C-alpha atoms as a PDB file:
ATOM      1  CA  MET A   1      -9.168 -12.650  -9.289  1.00  0.00           C
ATOM      2  CA  ALA A   2      -8.972  -9.596  -7.343  1.00  0.00           C
ATOM      3  CA  LEU A   3      -6.281  -7.474  -6.796  1.00  0.00           C
ATOM      4  CA  LYS A   4      -5.408  -6.682  -2.689  1.00  0.00           C
ATOM      5  CA  TYR A   5      -5.804  -3.311  -1.054  1.00  0.00           C
ATOM      6  CA  LYS A   6      -1.739  -2.209  -1.371  1.00  0.00           C
ATOM      7  CA  THR A   7      -2.123  -3.526  -4.815  1.00  0.00           C
ATOM      8  CA  ARG A   8      -5.004  -1.356  -5.790  1.00  0.00           C
ATOM      9  CA  ARG A   9      -3.340   1.721  -3.862  1.00  0.00           C
ATOM     10  CA  ARG A  10      -0.568   1.177  -5.978  1.00  0.00           C
ATOM     11  CA  LEU A  11      -1.914   0.504  -8.925  1.00  0.00           C
ATOM     12  CA  ALA A  12      -3.907   3.991  -8.013  1.00  0.00           C
ATOM     13  CA  LEU A  13      -0.985   5.789  -7.500  1.00  0.00           C
ATOM     14  CA  LEU A  14       0.374   5.404 -10.892  1.00  0.00           C
ATOM     15  CA  VAL A  15      -2.855   5.664 -12.723  1.00  0.00           C
ATOM     16  CA  LEU A  16      -3.293   9.231 -10.905  1.00  0.00           C
ATOM     17  CA  LEU A  17       0.670  10.433 -12.021  1.00  0.00           C
ATOM     18  CA  ILE A  18       1.450   8.583 -15.248  1.00  0.00           C
ATOM     19  CA  GLY A  19      -1.380   7.750 -16.628  1.00  0.00           C
ATOM     20  CA  LEU A  20      -3.664  10.371 -15.962  1.00  0.00           C
ATOM     21  CA  PRO A  21      -1.414  13.117 -17.222  1.00  0.00           C
ATOM     22  CA  LEU A  22      -0.846  11.267 -20.296  1.00  0.00           C
ATOM     23  CA  TYR A  23      -4.468  10.902 -21.329  1.00  0.00           C
ATOM     24  CA  ILE A  24      -5.253  14.711 -20.512  1.00  0.00           C
ATOM     25  CA  GLY A  25      -2.098  15.598 -23.186  1.00  0.00           C
ATOM     26  CA  LEU A  26      -3.178  12.825 -26.011  1.00  0.00           C
ATOM     27  CA  ALA A  27      -6.561  14.137 -25.595  1.00  0.00           C
ATOM     28  CA  LEU A  28      -5.488  17.459 -25.959  1.00  0.00           C
ATOM     29  CA  TYR A  29      -3.675  16.285 -29.276  1.00  0.00           C
ATOM     30  CA  ILE A  30      -6.747  14.627 -30.359  1.00  0.00           C
ATOM     31  CA  ILE A  31      -8.670  18.231 -29.796  1.00  0.00           C
ATOM     32  CA  SER A  32      -5.734  20.229 -31.334  1.00  0.00           C
ATOM     33  CA  LEU A  33      -5.987  17.826 -34.579  1.00  0.00           C
ATOM     34  CA  PHE A  34      -8.960  19.467 -35.257  1.00  0.00           C
ATOM     35  CA  ASP A  35     -10.482  23.158 -35.668  1.00  0.00           C
ATOM     36  CA  ARG A  36     -11.893  24.748 -32.658  1.00  0.00           C
ATOM     37  CA  PRO A  37     -15.070  23.516 -32.185  1.00  0.00           C
ATOM     38  CA  SER A  38     -17.595  26.609 -29.960  1.00  0.00           C
ATOM     39  CA  LEU A  39     -16.631  26.685 -26.643  1.00  0.00           C
ATOM     40  CA  TRP A  40     -19.315  24.567 -25.609  1.00  0.00           C
ATOM     41  CA  VAL A  41     -18.346  21.816 -27.488  1.00  0.00           C
ATOM     42  CA  GLU A  42     -15.462  21.641 -26.285  1.00  0.00           C
ATOM     43  CA  PHE A  43     -15.948  21.776 -22.690  1.00  0.00           C
ATOM     44  CA  ALA A  44     -18.257  18.808 -23.242  1.00  0.00           C
ATOM     45  CA  VAL A  45     -15.768  16.892 -25.133  1.00  0.00           C
ATOM     46  CA  TYR A  46     -13.473  17.205 -22.069  1.00  0.00           C
ATOM     47  CA  VAL A  47     -16.138  16.425 -19.783  1.00  0.00           C
ATOM     48  CA  GLY A  48     -17.183  13.496 -22.010  1.00  0.00           C
ATOM     49  CA  LEU A  49     -13.414  12.903 -21.518  1.00  0.00           C
ATOM     50  CA  GLY A  50     -12.697  13.085 -18.199  1.00  0.00           C
ATOM     51  CA  PHE A  51     -15.748  10.622 -17.723  1.00  0.00           C
ATOM     52  CA  LEU A  52     -14.353   8.100 -19.860  1.00  0.00           C
ATOM     53  CA  TRP A  53     -10.992   7.614 -18.612  1.00  0.00           C
ATOM     54  CA  MET A  54     -12.655   6.415 -15.249  1.00  0.00           C
ATOM     55  CA  LEU A  55     -14.916   3.931 -16.435  1.00  0.00           C
ATOM     56  CA  PRO A  56     -12.724   0.816 -16.816  1.00  0.00           C
ATOM     57  CA  LEU A  57     -10.398   2.141 -13.485  1.00  0.00           C
ATOM     58  CA  ARG A  58     -13.343   2.386 -11.443  1.00  0.00           C
ATOM     59  CA  SER A  59     -12.555  -0.610  -9.635  1.00  0.00           C
ATOM     60  CA  VAL A  60      -9.111   0.019  -9.193  1.00  0.00           C
ATOM     61  CA  PHE A  61     -10.337   3.302  -7.309  1.00  0.00           C
ATOM     62  CA  LEU A  62     -13.018   1.693  -5.308  1.00  0.00           C
ATOM     63  CA  GLY A  63     -12.220   1.481  -1.963  1.00  0.00           C
ATOM     64  CA  VAL A  64      -9.029   3.088  -2.225  1.00  0.00           C
ATOM     65  CA  GLY A  65      -9.150   5.800   0.548  1.00  0.00           C
ATOM     66  CA  GLN A  66     -10.694   3.633   3.156  1.00  0.00           C
ATOM     67  CA  ALA A  67      -9.016   2.168   5.597  1.00  0.00           C
ATOM     68  CA  ASP A  68      -6.561  -1.466   4.981  1.00  0.00           C
ATOM     69  CA  PRO A  69      -9.614  -4.112   5.347  1.00  0.00           C
ATOM     70  CA  ASP A  70      -7.080  -6.387   6.478  1.00  0.00           C
ATOM     71  CA  PRO A  71      -4.426  -5.089   7.842  1.00  0.00           C
ATOM     72  CA  SER A  72      -2.832  -8.192   9.653  1.00  0.00           C
ATOM     73  CA  GLU A  73      -0.638  -8.517   6.867  1.00  0.00           C
ATOM     74  CA  ASP A  74       1.630  -5.644   8.129  1.00  0.00           C
ATOM     75  CA  PRO A  75       2.645  -5.581  11.845  1.00  0.00           C
ATOM     76  CA  PRO A  76       2.508  -2.320  13.358  1.00  0.00           C
ATOM     77  CA  LYS A  77       6.160  -1.248  13.928  1.00  0.00           C
END
């Protein structure tokens, strides 16, 4: 079942405001459990984790910045 446009926008906002900071904190905590690696290894880990969080949420963010494809649901005020 495909999500409606408004639902995707709200879910994307929720993920960006709550989920992403939690994910960043978790990534920092996990990295801090190990001895600090070299700068390039640490950079590669953070870049990899930066791409990893968005892969399962790609469908949520797809087209969110576009205009509503079905604006007939909300009449203009």
